mmCIF file of all heavy atoms, coordinates in Angstrom:
data_MODEL
# 
_entry.id   MODEL 
# 
loop_
_atom_site.group_PDB 
_atom_site.id 
_atom_site.type_symbol 
_atom_site.label_atom_id 
_atom_site.label_alt_id 
_atom_site.label_comp_id 
_atom_site.label_asym_id 
_atom_site.label_entity_id 
_atom_site.label_seq_id 
_atom_site.pdbx_PDB_ins_code 
_atom_site.Cartn_x 
_atom_site.Cartn_y 
_atom_site.Cartn_z 
_atom_site.occupancy 
_atom_site.B_iso_or_equiv 
_atom_site.pdbx_formal_charge 
_atom_site.auth_seq_id 
_atom_site.auth_comp_id 
_atom_site.auth_asym_id 
_atom_site.auth_atom_id 
_atom_site.pdbx_PDB_model_num 
ATOM 1   N N   . VAL A 1 1  ? 29.666 72.538 39.196 1.00 0.00 ? 1  VAL A N   1 
ATOM 2   C CA  . VAL A 1 1  ? 29.629 71.191 39.611 1.00 0.00 ? 1  VAL A CA  1 
ATOM 3   C C   . VAL A 1 1  ? 30.564 70.386 38.662 1.00 0.00 ? 1  VAL A C   1 
ATOM 4   O O   . VAL A 1 1  ? 30.360 70.454 37.453 1.00 0.00 ? 1  VAL A O   1 
ATOM 5   C CB  . VAL A 1 1  ? 28.167 70.685 39.478 1.00 0.00 ? 1  VAL A CB  1 
ATOM 6   C CG1 . VAL A 1 1  ? 28.231 69.109 39.936 1.00 0.00 ? 1  VAL A CG1 1 
ATOM 7   C CG2 . VAL A 1 1  ? 27.265 71.463 40.428 1.00 0.00 ? 1  VAL A CG2 1 
ATOM 8   N N   . VAL A 1 2  ? 31.520 69.640 39.220 1.00 0.00 ? 2  VAL A N   1 
ATOM 9   C CA  . VAL A 1 2  ? 32.443 68.819 38.468 1.00 0.00 ? 2  VAL A CA  1 
ATOM 10  C C   . VAL A 1 2  ? 32.341 67.479 38.956 1.00 0.00 ? 2  VAL A C   1 
ATOM 11  O O   . VAL A 1 2  ? 32.835 67.112 40.065 1.00 0.00 ? 2  VAL A O   1 
ATOM 12  C CB  . VAL A 1 2  ? 33.873 69.406 38.518 1.00 0.00 ? 2  VAL A CB  1 
ATOM 13  C CG1 . VAL A 1 2  ? 34.812 68.513 37.678 1.00 0.00 ? 2  VAL A CG1 1 
ATOM 14  C CG2 . VAL A 1 2  ? 33.923 70.822 38.084 1.00 0.00 ? 2  VAL A CG2 1 
ATOM 15  N N   . ALA A 1 3  ? 31.749 66.524 38.068 1.00 0.00 ? 3  ALA A N   1 
ATOM 16  C CA  . ALA A 1 3  ? 31.535 65.088 38.650 1.00 0.00 ? 3  ALA A CA  1 
ATOM 17  C C   . ALA A 1 3  ? 32.840 64.447 38.793 1.00 0.00 ? 3  ALA A C   1 
ATOM 18  O O   . ALA A 1 3  ? 32.994 63.599 39.749 1.00 0.00 ? 3  ALA A O   1 
ATOM 19  C CB  . ALA A 1 3  ? 30.654 64.387 37.705 1.00 0.00 ? 3  ALA A CB  1 
ATOM 20  N N   . ASP A 1 4  ? 33.830 64.769 37.972 1.00 0.00 ? 4  ASP A N   1 
ATOM 21  C CA  . ASP A 1 4  ? 35.145 64.099 37.954 1.00 0.00 ? 4  ASP A CA  1 
ATOM 22  C C   . ASP A 1 4  ? 36.131 65.095 37.571 1.00 0.00 ? 4  ASP A C   1 
ATOM 23  O O   . ASP A 1 4  ? 36.215 65.463 36.416 1.00 0.00 ? 4  ASP A O   1 
ATOM 24  C CB  . ASP A 1 4  ? 35.218 62.776 37.155 1.00 0.00 ? 4  ASP A CB  1 
ATOM 25  C CG  . ASP A 1 4  ? 36.493 61.996 37.448 1.00 0.00 ? 4  ASP A CG  1 
ATOM 26  O OD1 . ASP A 1 4  ? 37.427 62.572 38.019 1.00 0.00 ? 4  ASP A OD1 1 
ATOM 27  O OD2 . ASP A 1 4  ? 36.566 60.823 36.903 1.00 0.00 ? 4  ASP A OD2 1 
ATOM 28  N N   . ALA A 1 5  ? 37.044 65.552 38.443 1.00 0.00 ? 5  ALA A N   1 
ATOM 29  C CA  . ALA A 1 5  ? 38.132 66.640 38.163 1.00 0.00 ? 5  ALA A CA  1 
ATOM 30  C C   . ALA A 1 5  ? 39.294 66.068 37.696 1.00 0.00 ? 5  ALA A C   1 
ATOM 31  O O   . ALA A 1 5  ? 40.202 66.785 37.320 1.00 0.00 ? 5  ALA A O   1 
ATOM 32  C CB  . ALA A 1 5  ? 38.277 67.298 39.360 1.00 0.00 ? 5  ALA A CB  1 
ATOM 33  N N   . THR A 1 6  ? 39.412 64.801 37.320 1.00 0.00 ? 6  THR A N   1 
ATOM 34  C CA  . THR A 1 6  ? 40.571 64.145 36.789 1.00 0.00 ? 6  THR A CA  1 
ATOM 35  C C   . THR A 1 6  ? 40.868 64.848 35.482 1.00 0.00 ? 6  THR A C   1 
ATOM 36  O O   . THR A 1 6  ? 40.047 64.852 34.530 1.00 0.00 ? 6  THR A O   1 
ATOM 37  C CB  . THR A 1 6  ? 40.419 62.665 36.563 1.00 0.00 ? 6  THR A CB  1 
ATOM 38  O OG1 . THR A 1 6  ? 40.105 62.024 37.837 1.00 0.00 ? 6  THR A OG1 1 
ATOM 39  C CG2 . THR A 1 6  ? 41.628 62.038 35.971 1.00 0.00 ? 6  THR A CG2 1 
ATOM 40  N N   . GLY A 1 7  ? 42.018 65.416 35.307 1.00 0.00 ? 7  GLY A N   1 
ATOM 41  C CA  . GLY A 1 7  ? 42.464 66.014 34.046 1.00 0.00 ? 7  GLY A CA  1 
ATOM 42  C C   . GLY A 1 7  ? 41.791 67.433 33.791 1.00 0.00 ? 7  GLY A C   1 
ATOM 43  O O   . GLY A 1 7  ? 42.140 68.023 32.750 1.00 0.00 ? 7  GLY A O   1 
ATOM 44  N N   . ASP A 1 8  ? 40.997 67.892 34.681 1.00 0.00 ? 8  ASP A N   1 
ATOM 45  C CA  . ASP A 1 8  ? 40.411 69.180 34.609 1.00 0.00 ? 8  ASP A CA  1 
ATOM 46  C C   . ASP A 1 8  ? 41.446 70.245 34.822 1.00 0.00 ? 8  ASP A C   1 
ATOM 47  O O   . ASP A 1 8  ? 41.984 70.417 35.934 1.00 0.00 ? 8  ASP A O   1 
ATOM 48  C CB  . ASP A 1 8  ? 39.242 69.351 35.539 1.00 0.00 ? 8  ASP A CB  1 
ATOM 49  C CG  . ASP A 1 8  ? 38.360 70.564 35.156 1.00 0.00 ? 8  ASP A CG  1 
ATOM 50  O OD1 . ASP A 1 8  ? 38.849 71.686 34.872 1.00 0.00 ? 8  ASP A OD1 1 
ATOM 51  O OD2 . ASP A 1 8  ? 37.135 70.479 35.105 1.00 0.00 ? 8  ASP A OD2 1 
ATOM 52  N N   . PRO A 1 9  ? 41.726 71.137 33.861 1.00 0.00 ? 9  PRO A N   1 
ATOM 53  C CA  . PRO A 1 9  ? 42.848 72.129 34.059 1.00 0.00 ? 9  PRO A CA  1 
ATOM 54  C C   . PRO A 1 9  ? 42.450 73.288 35.135 1.00 0.00 ? 9  PRO A C   1 
ATOM 55  O O   . PRO A 1 9  ? 43.327 73.971 35.499 1.00 0.00 ? 9  PRO A O   1 
ATOM 56  C CB  . PRO A 1 9  ? 43.023 72.788 32.666 1.00 0.00 ? 9  PRO A CB  1 
ATOM 57  C CG  . PRO A 1 9  ? 41.745 72.576 32.047 1.00 0.00 ? 9  PRO A CG  1 
ATOM 58  C CD  . PRO A 1 9  ? 41.155 71.262 32.565 1.00 0.00 ? 9  PRO A CD  1 
ATOM 59  N N   . ARG A 1 10 ? 41.248 73.322 35.520 1.00 0.00 ? 10 ARG A N   1 
ATOM 60  C CA  . ARG A 1 10 ? 40.819 74.268 36.478 1.00 0.00 ? 10 ARG A CA  1 
ATOM 61  C C   . ARG A 1 10 ? 41.294 74.008 37.853 1.00 0.00 ? 10 ARG A C   1 
ATOM 62  O O   . ARG A 1 10 ? 41.201 74.821 38.852 1.00 0.00 ? 10 ARG A O   1 
ATOM 63  C CB  . ARG A 1 10 ? 39.318 74.572 36.458 1.00 0.00 ? 10 ARG A CB  1 
ATOM 64  C CG  . ARG A 1 10 ? 38.821 75.217 35.177 1.00 0.00 ? 10 ARG A CG  1 
ATOM 65  C CD  . ARG A 1 10 ? 37.292 75.162 35.163 1.00 0.00 ? 10 ARG A CD  1 
ATOM 66  N NE  . ARG A 1 10 ? 36.758 73.833 35.087 1.00 0.00 ? 10 ARG A NE  1 
ATOM 67  C CZ  . ARG A 1 10 ? 35.368 73.580 34.909 1.00 0.00 ? 10 ARG A CZ  1 
ATOM 68  N NH1 . ARG A 1 10 ? 34.602 74.568 34.811 1.00 0.00 ? 10 ARG A NH1 1 
ATOM 69  N NH2 . ARG A 1 10 ? 34.982 72.285 34.907 1.00 0.00 ? 10 ARG A NH2 1 
ATOM 70  N N   . PHE A 1 11 ? 41.682 72.748 38.100 1.00 0.00 ? 11 PHE A N   1 
ATOM 71  C CA  . PHE A 1 11 ? 42.029 72.291 39.456 1.00 0.00 ? 11 PHE A CA  1 
ATOM 72  C C   . PHE A 1 11 ? 43.563 71.924 39.476 1.00 0.00 ? 11 PHE A C   1 
ATOM 73  O O   . PHE A 1 11 ? 44.036 71.228 38.581 1.00 0.00 ? 11 PHE A O   1 
ATOM 74  C CB  . PHE A 1 11 ? 41.280 71.074 39.848 1.00 0.00 ? 11 PHE A CB  1 
ATOM 75  C CG  . PHE A 1 11 ? 39.756 71.409 39.837 1.00 0.00 ? 11 PHE A CG  1 
ATOM 76  C CD1 . PHE A 1 11 ? 38.984 71.219 38.786 1.00 0.00 ? 11 PHE A CD1 1 
ATOM 77  C CD2 . PHE A 1 11 ? 39.192 71.929 41.144 1.00 0.00 ? 11 PHE A CD2 1 
ATOM 78  C CE1 . PHE A 1 11 ? 37.637 71.515 38.887 1.00 0.00 ? 11 PHE A CE1 1 
ATOM 79  C CE2 . PHE A 1 11 ? 37.854 72.203 41.209 1.00 0.00 ? 11 PHE A CE2 1 
ATOM 80  C CZ  . PHE A 1 11 ? 37.016 71.966 40.079 1.00 0.00 ? 11 PHE A CZ  1 
ATOM 81  N N   . ASP A 1 12 ? 44.238 72.291 40.548 1.00 0.00 ? 12 ASP A N   1 
ATOM 82  C CA  . ASP A 1 12 ? 45.618 71.865 40.767 1.00 0.00 ? 12 ASP A CA  1 
ATOM 83  C C   . ASP A 1 12 ? 45.603 70.816 41.908 1.00 0.00 ? 12 ASP A C   1 
ATOM 84  O O   . ASP A 1 12 ? 45.540 71.047 42.969 1.00 0.00 ? 12 ASP A O   1 
ATOM 85  C CB  . ASP A 1 12 ? 46.409 73.065 41.338 1.00 0.00 ? 12 ASP A CB  1 
ATOM 86  C CG  . ASP A 1 12 ? 47.853 72.711 41.517 1.00 0.00 ? 12 ASP A CG  1 
ATOM 87  O OD1 . ASP A 1 12 ? 48.253 71.540 41.463 1.00 0.00 ? 12 ASP A OD1 1 
ATOM 88  O OD2 . ASP A 1 12 ? 48.690 73.625 41.776 1.00 0.00 ? 12 ASP A OD2 1 
ATOM 89  N N   . ARG A 1 13 ? 45.432 69.573 41.338 1.00 0.00 ? 13 ARG A N   1 
ATOM 90  C CA  . ARG A 1 13 ? 45.198 68.466 42.218 1.00 0.00 ? 13 ARG A CA  1 
ATOM 91  C C   . ARG A 1 13 ? 46.349 68.082 43.012 1.00 0.00 ? 13 ARG A C   1 
ATOM 92  O O   . ARG A 1 13 ? 46.350 67.280 44.046 1.00 0.00 ? 13 ARG A O   1 
ATOM 93  C CB  . ARG A 1 13 ? 44.699 67.217 41.446 1.00 0.00 ? 13 ARG A CB  1 
ATOM 94  C CG  . ARG A 1 13 ? 43.515 67.535 40.718 1.00 0.00 ? 13 ARG A CG  1 
ATOM 95  C CD  . ARG A 1 13 ? 42.971 66.309 39.841 1.00 0.00 ? 13 ARG A CD  1 
ATOM 96  N NE  . ARG A 1 13 ? 42.487 65.158 40.760 1.00 0.00 ? 13 ARG A NE  1 
ATOM 97  C CZ  . ARG A 1 13 ? 42.954 64.064 40.652 1.00 0.00 ? 13 ARG A CZ  1 
ATOM 98  N NH1 . ARG A 1 13 ? 44.098 63.845 39.796 1.00 0.00 ? 13 ARG A NH1 1 
ATOM 99  N NH2 . ARG A 1 13 ? 42.562 63.094 41.388 1.00 0.00 ? 13 ARG A NH2 1 
ATOM 100 N N   . SER A 1 14 ? 47.646 68.677 42.791 1.00 0.00 ? 14 SER A N   1 
ATOM 101 C CA  . SER A 1 14 ? 48.798 68.482 43.576 1.00 0.00 ? 14 SER A CA  1 
ATOM 102 C C   . SER A 1 14 ? 48.561 69.183 44.877 1.00 0.00 ? 14 SER A C   1 
ATOM 103 O O   . SER A 1 14 ? 49.150 68.722 45.868 1.00 0.00 ? 14 SER A O   1 
ATOM 104 C CB  . SER A 1 14 ? 49.990 68.960 42.798 1.00 0.00 ? 14 SER A CB  1 
ATOM 105 O OG  . SER A 1 14 ? 49.971 70.418 42.726 1.00 0.00 ? 14 SER A OG  1 
ATOM 106 N N   . GLN A 1 15 ? 47.759 70.256 44.958 1.00 0.00 ? 15 GLN A N   1 
ATOM 107 C CA  . GLN A 1 15 ? 47.608 70.951 46.217 1.00 0.00 ? 15 GLN A CA  1 
ATOM 108 C C   . GLN A 1 15 ? 46.322 70.346 46.972 1.00 0.00 ? 15 GLN A C   1 
ATOM 109 O O   . GLN A 1 15 ? 46.106 70.758 48.138 1.00 0.00 ? 15 GLN A O   1 
ATOM 110 C CB  . GLN A 1 15 ? 47.390 72.390 45.913 1.00 0.00 ? 15 GLN A CB  1 
ATOM 111 C CG  . GLN A 1 15 ? 48.662 73.006 45.417 1.00 0.00 ? 15 GLN A CG  1 
ATOM 112 C CD  . GLN A 1 15 ? 48.562 74.583 45.338 1.00 0.00 ? 15 GLN A CD  1 
ATOM 113 O OE1 . GLN A 1 15 ? 48.093 75.167 46.367 1.00 0.00 ? 15 GLN A OE1 1 
ATOM 114 N NE2 . GLN A 1 15 ? 48.919 75.168 44.236 1.00 0.00 ? 15 GLN A NE2 1 
ATOM 115 N N   . ILE A 1 16 ? 45.450 69.680 46.307 1.00 0.00 ? 16 ILE A N   1 
ATOM 116 C CA  . ILE A 1 16 ? 44.262 69.041 46.914 1.00 0.00 ? 16 ILE A CA  1 
ATOM 117 C C   . ILE A 1 16 ? 44.347 67.553 46.494 1.00 0.00 ? 16 ILE A C   1 
ATOM 118 O O   . ILE A 1 16 ? 43.628 67.077 45.553 1.00 0.00 ? 16 ILE A O   1 
ATOM 119 C CB  . ILE A 1 16 ? 42.986 69.589 46.438 1.00 0.00 ? 16 ILE A CB  1 
ATOM 120 C CG1 . ILE A 1 16 ? 43.040 71.197 46.570 1.00 0.00 ? 16 ILE A CG1 1 
ATOM 121 C CG2 . ILE A 1 16 ? 41.859 69.191 47.261 1.00 0.00 ? 16 ILE A CG2 1 
ATOM 122 C CD1 . ILE A 1 16 ? 41.799 71.875 46.145 1.00 0.00 ? 16 ILE A CD1 1 
ATOM 123 N N   . PRO A 1 17 ? 45.199 66.719 47.128 1.00 0.00 ? 17 PRO A N   1 
ATOM 124 C CA  . PRO A 1 17 ? 45.347 65.357 46.692 1.00 0.00 ? 17 PRO A CA  1 
ATOM 125 C C   . PRO A 1 17 ? 43.927 64.600 46.907 1.00 0.00 ? 17 PRO A C   1 
ATOM 126 O O   . PRO A 1 17 ? 43.230 64.809 47.805 1.00 0.00 ? 17 PRO A O   1 
ATOM 127 C CB  . PRO A 1 17 ? 46.324 64.864 47.752 1.00 0.00 ? 17 PRO A CB  1 
ATOM 128 C CG  . PRO A 1 17 ? 47.027 65.989 48.308 1.00 0.00 ? 17 PRO A CG  1 
ATOM 129 C CD  . PRO A 1 17 ? 46.075 67.124 48.237 1.00 0.00 ? 17 PRO A CD  1 
ATOM 130 N N   . GLY A 1 18 ? 43.619 63.784 45.850 1.00 0.00 ? 18 GLY A N   1 
ATOM 131 C CA  . GLY A 1 18 ? 42.568 62.934 45.977 1.00 0.00 ? 18 GLY A CA  1 
ATOM 132 C C   . GLY A 1 18 ? 41.298 63.630 45.473 1.00 0.00 ? 18 GLY A C   1 
ATOM 133 O O   . GLY A 1 18 ? 40.132 62.991 45.524 1.00 0.00 ? 18 GLY A O   1 
ATOM 134 N N   . LEU A 1 19 ? 41.334 64.793 45.038 1.00 0.00 ? 19 LEU A N   1 
ATOM 135 C CA  . LEU A 1 19 ? 40.160 65.504 44.651 1.00 0.00 ? 19 LEU A CA  1 
ATOM 136 C C   . LEU A 1 19 ? 39.586 64.989 43.232 1.00 0.00 ? 19 LEU A C   1 
ATOM 137 O O   . LEU A 1 19 ? 40.252 64.891 42.325 1.00 0.00 ? 19 LEU A O   1 
ATOM 138 C CB  . LEU A 1 19 ? 40.347 67.038 44.334 1.00 0.00 ? 19 LEU A CB  1 
ATOM 139 C CG  . LEU A 1 19 ? 39.236 67.908 43.969 1.00 0.00 ? 19 LEU A CG  1 
ATOM 140 C CD1 . LEU A 1 19 ? 39.414 69.479 44.472 1.00 0.00 ? 19 LEU A CD1 1 
ATOM 141 C CD2 . LEU A 1 19 ? 38.876 67.909 42.559 1.00 0.00 ? 19 LEU A CD2 1 
ATOM 142 N N   . ARG A 1 20 ? 38.253 64.548 43.423 1.00 0.00 ? 20 ARG A N   1 
ATOM 143 C CA  . ARG A 1 20 ? 37.697 64.049 42.145 1.00 0.00 ? 20 ARG A CA  1 
ATOM 144 C C   . ARG A 1 20 ? 36.343 64.796 41.892 1.00 0.00 ? 20 ARG A C   1 
ATOM 145 O O   . ARG A 1 20 ? 36.201 65.344 40.937 1.00 0.00 ? 20 ARG A O   1 
ATOM 146 C CB  . ARG A 1 20 ? 37.339 62.546 42.344 1.00 0.00 ? 20 ARG A CB  1 
ATOM 147 C CG  . ARG A 1 20 ? 38.605 61.697 42.472 1.00 0.00 ? 20 ARG A CG  1 
ATOM 148 C CD  . ARG A 1 20 ? 39.418 61.647 41.208 1.00 0.00 ? 20 ARG A CD  1 
ATOM 149 N NE  . ARG A 1 20 ? 38.769 60.907 40.145 1.00 0.00 ? 20 ARG A NE  1 
ATOM 150 C CZ  . ARG A 1 20 ? 38.688 59.725 39.936 1.00 0.00 ? 20 ARG A CZ  1 
ATOM 151 N NH1 . ARG A 1 20 ? 39.301 58.826 40.744 1.00 0.00 ? 20 ARG A NH1 1 
ATOM 152 N NH2 . ARG A 1 20 ? 38.041 59.211 38.790 1.00 0.00 ? 20 ARG A NH2 1 
ATOM 153 N N   . PHE A 1 21 ? 35.416 64.716 42.876 1.00 0.00 ? 21 PHE A N   1 
ATOM 154 C CA  . PHE A 1 21 ? 34.199 65.431 42.827 1.00 0.00 ? 21 PHE A CA  1 
ATOM 155 C C   . PHE A 1 21 ? 34.259 66.845 43.503 1.00 0.00 ? 21 PHE A C   1 
ATOM 156 O O   . PHE A 1 21 ? 34.916 67.010 44.529 1.00 0.00 ? 21 PHE A O   1 
ATOM 157 C CB  . PHE A 1 21 ? 32.989 64.745 43.442 1.00 0.00 ? 21 PHE A CB  1 
ATOM 158 C CG  . PHE A 1 21 ? 31.759 65.469 43.768 1.00 0.00 ? 21 PHE A CG  1 
ATOM 159 C CD1 . PHE A 1 21 ? 30.897 65.623 42.600 1.00 0.00 ? 21 PHE A CD1 1 
ATOM 160 C CD2 . PHE A 1 21 ? 31.467 66.109 44.843 1.00 0.00 ? 21 PHE A CD2 1 
ATOM 161 C CE1 . PHE A 1 21 ? 29.786 66.395 42.794 1.00 0.00 ? 21 PHE A CE1 1 
ATOM 162 C CE2 . PHE A 1 21 ? 30.279 66.756 45.076 1.00 0.00 ? 21 PHE A CE2 1 
ATOM 163 C CZ  . PHE A 1 21 ? 29.418 66.981 44.136 1.00 0.00 ? 21 PHE A CZ  1 
ATOM 164 N N   . TYR A 1 22 ? 33.691 67.827 42.703 1.00 0.00 ? 22 TYR A N   1 
ATOM 165 C CA  . TYR A 1 22 ? 33.721 69.164 43.307 1.00 0.00 ? 22 TYR A CA  1 
ATOM 166 C C   . TYR A 1 22 ? 32.512 69.927 43.051 1.00 0.00 ? 22 TYR A C   1 
ATOM 167 O O   . TYR A 1 22 ? 31.991 69.867 41.890 1.00 0.00 ? 22 TYR A O   1 
ATOM 168 C CB  . TYR A 1 22 ? 34.964 69.959 42.768 1.00 0.00 ? 22 TYR A CB  1 
ATOM 169 C CG  . TYR A 1 22 ? 34.964 71.458 43.101 1.00 0.00 ? 22 TYR A CG  1 
ATOM 170 C CD1 . TYR A 1 22 ? 35.488 71.931 44.357 1.00 0.00 ? 22 TYR A CD1 1 
ATOM 171 C CD2 . TYR A 1 22 ? 34.277 72.431 42.341 1.00 0.00 ? 22 TYR A CD2 1 
ATOM 172 C CE1 . TYR A 1 22 ? 35.600 73.261 44.701 1.00 0.00 ? 22 TYR A CE1 1 
ATOM 173 C CE2 . TYR A 1 22 ? 34.327 73.765 42.662 1.00 0.00 ? 22 TYR A CE2 1 
ATOM 174 C CZ  . TYR A 1 22 ? 34.885 74.147 43.843 1.00 0.00 ? 22 TYR A CZ  1 
ATOM 175 O OH  . TYR A 1 22 ? 34.907 75.475 44.155 1.00 0.00 ? 22 TYR A OH  1 
ATOM 176 N N   . VAL A 1 23 ? 31.975 70.681 44.023 1.00 0.00 ? 23 VAL A N   1 
ATOM 177 C CA  . VAL A 1 23 ? 30.850 71.628 43.778 1.00 0.00 ? 23 VAL A CA  1 
ATOM 178 C C   . VAL A 1 23 ? 31.131 72.865 44.573 1.00 0.00 ? 23 VAL A C   1 
ATOM 179 O O   . VAL A 1 23 ? 31.484 72.854 45.789 1.00 0.00 ? 23 VAL A O   1 
ATOM 180 C CB  . VAL A 1 23 ? 29.498 71.045 44.270 1.00 0.00 ? 23 VAL A CB  1 
ATOM 181 C CG1 . VAL A 1 23 ? 29.500 70.499 45.651 1.00 0.00 ? 23 VAL A CG1 1 
ATOM 182 C CG2 . VAL A 1 23 ? 28.400 72.053 44.032 1.00 0.00 ? 23 VAL A CG2 1 
ATOM 183 N N   . GLY A 1 24 ? 31.096 73.999 43.947 1.00 0.00 ? 24 GLY A N   1 
ATOM 184 C CA  . GLY A 1 24 ? 31.270 75.343 44.582 1.00 0.00 ? 24 GLY A CA  1 
ATOM 185 C C   . GLY A 1 24 ? 30.136 76.227 44.320 1.00 0.00 ? 24 GLY A C   1 
ATOM 186 O O   . GLY A 1 24 ? 29.638 76.351 43.265 1.00 0.00 ? 24 GLY A O   1 
ATOM 187 N N   . VAL A 1 25 ? 29.721 76.980 45.424 1.00 0.00 ? 25 VAL A N   1 
ATOM 188 C CA  . VAL A 1 25 ? 28.629 77.926 45.289 1.00 0.00 ? 25 VAL A CA  1 
ATOM 189 C C   . VAL A 1 25 ? 29.201 79.317 45.684 1.00 0.00 ? 25 VAL A C   1 
ATOM 190 O O   . VAL A 1 25 ? 29.811 79.453 46.667 1.00 0.00 ? 25 VAL A O   1 
ATOM 191 C CB  . VAL A 1 25 ? 27.490 77.535 46.270 1.00 0.00 ? 25 VAL A CB  1 
ATOM 192 C CG1 . VAL A 1 25 ? 26.277 78.554 46.084 1.00 0.00 ? 25 VAL A CG1 1 
ATOM 193 C CG2 . VAL A 1 25 ? 27.049 76.109 46.122 1.00 0.00 ? 25 VAL A CG2 1 
ATOM 194 N N   . PRO A 1 26 ? 28.995 80.244 44.695 1.00 0.00 ? 26 PRO A N   1 
ATOM 195 C CA  . PRO A 1 26 ? 29.557 81.510 44.976 1.00 0.00 ? 26 PRO A CA  1 
ATOM 196 C C   . PRO A 1 26 ? 28.846 82.324 46.106 1.00 0.00 ? 26 PRO A C   1 
ATOM 197 O O   . PRO A 1 26 ? 27.625 82.139 46.328 1.00 0.00 ? 26 PRO A O   1 
ATOM 198 C CB  . PRO A 1 26 ? 29.364 82.237 43.583 1.00 0.00 ? 26 PRO A CB  1 
ATOM 199 C CG  . PRO A 1 26 ? 28.132 81.599 43.013 1.00 0.00 ? 26 PRO A CG  1 
ATOM 200 C CD  . PRO A 1 26 ? 28.294 80.152 43.420 1.00 0.00 ? 26 PRO A CD  1 
ATOM 201 N N   . LEU A 1 27 ? 29.661 83.039 46.945 1.00 0.00 ? 27 LEU A N   1 
ATOM 202 C CA  . LEU A 1 27 ? 29.078 83.896 47.950 1.00 0.00 ? 27 LEU A CA  1 
ATOM 203 C C   . LEU A 1 27 ? 29.139 85.344 47.425 1.00 0.00 ? 27 LEU A C   1 
ATOM 204 O O   . LEU A 1 27 ? 30.266 85.933 47.182 1.00 0.00 ? 27 LEU A O   1 
ATOM 205 C CB  . LEU A 1 27 ? 29.870 83.818 49.134 1.00 0.00 ? 27 LEU A CB  1 
ATOM 206 C CG  . LEU A 1 27 ? 30.049 82.381 49.842 1.00 0.00 ? 27 LEU A CG  1 
ATOM 207 C CD1 . LEU A 1 27 ? 30.996 82.485 51.045 1.00 0.00 ? 27 LEU A CD1 1 
ATOM 208 C CD2 . LEU A 1 27 ? 28.703 81.777 50.084 1.00 0.00 ? 27 LEU A CD2 1 
ATOM 209 N N   . LYS A 1 28 ? 27.978 85.947 47.060 1.00 0.00 ? 28 LYS A N   1 
ATOM 210 C CA  . LYS A 1 28 ? 27.931 87.225 46.567 1.00 0.00 ? 28 LYS A CA  1 
ATOM 211 C C   . LYS A 1 28 ? 27.328 88.240 47.460 1.00 0.00 ? 28 LYS A C   1 
ATOM 212 O O   . LYS A 1 28 ? 26.392 87.921 48.162 1.00 0.00 ? 28 LYS A O   1 
ATOM 213 C CB  . LYS A 1 28 ? 26.989 87.133 45.326 1.00 0.00 ? 28 LYS A CB  1 
ATOM 214 C CG  . LYS A 1 28 ? 27.555 86.370 44.082 1.00 0.00 ? 28 LYS A CG  1 
ATOM 215 C CD  . LYS A 1 28 ? 26.702 86.304 42.920 1.00 0.00 ? 28 LYS A CD  1 
ATOM 216 C CE  . LYS A 1 28 ? 27.146 85.493 41.829 1.00 0.00 ? 28 LYS A CE  1 
ATOM 217 N NZ  . LYS A 1 28 ? 26.282 85.489 40.554 1.00 0.00 ? 28 LYS A NZ  1 
ATOM 218 N N   . SER A 1 29 ? 27.879 89.466 47.362 1.00 0.00 ? 29 SER A N   1 
ATOM 219 C CA  . SER A 1 29 ? 27.250 90.619 48.196 1.00 0.00 ? 29 SER A CA  1 
ATOM 220 C C   . SER A 1 29 ? 25.981 91.035 47.481 1.00 0.00 ? 29 SER A C   1 
ATOM 221 O O   . SER A 1 29 ? 25.684 90.687 46.371 1.00 0.00 ? 29 SER A O   1 
ATOM 222 C CB  . SER A 1 29 ? 28.329 91.770 48.205 1.00 0.00 ? 29 SER A CB  1 
ATOM 223 O OG  . SER A 1 29 ? 28.531 92.307 46.873 1.00 0.00 ? 29 SER A OG  1 
ATOM 224 N N   . THR A 1 30 ? 25.233 91.952 48.152 1.00 0.00 ? 30 THR A N   1 
ATOM 225 C CA  . THR A 1 30 ? 24.095 92.450 47.645 1.00 0.00 ? 30 THR A CA  1 
ATOM 226 C C   . THR A 1 30 ? 24.260 93.332 46.376 1.00 0.00 ? 30 THR A C   1 
ATOM 227 O O   . THR A 1 30 ? 23.368 93.373 45.506 1.00 0.00 ? 30 THR A O   1 
ATOM 228 C CB  . THR A 1 30 ? 23.336 93.412 48.719 1.00 0.00 ? 30 THR A CB  1 
ATOM 229 O OG1 . THR A 1 30 ? 24.280 94.285 49.104 1.00 0.00 ? 30 THR A OG1 1 
ATOM 230 C CG2 . THR A 1 30 ? 22.896 92.549 49.854 1.00 0.00 ? 30 THR A CG2 1 
# 
């Protein structure tokens, strides 16, 4: 969970314009 991705090096905001908030849930096999 990233409340504000501004300046976060894990995100390439040039490829996702306007990205600020992000939440990702992993999909795992058994």
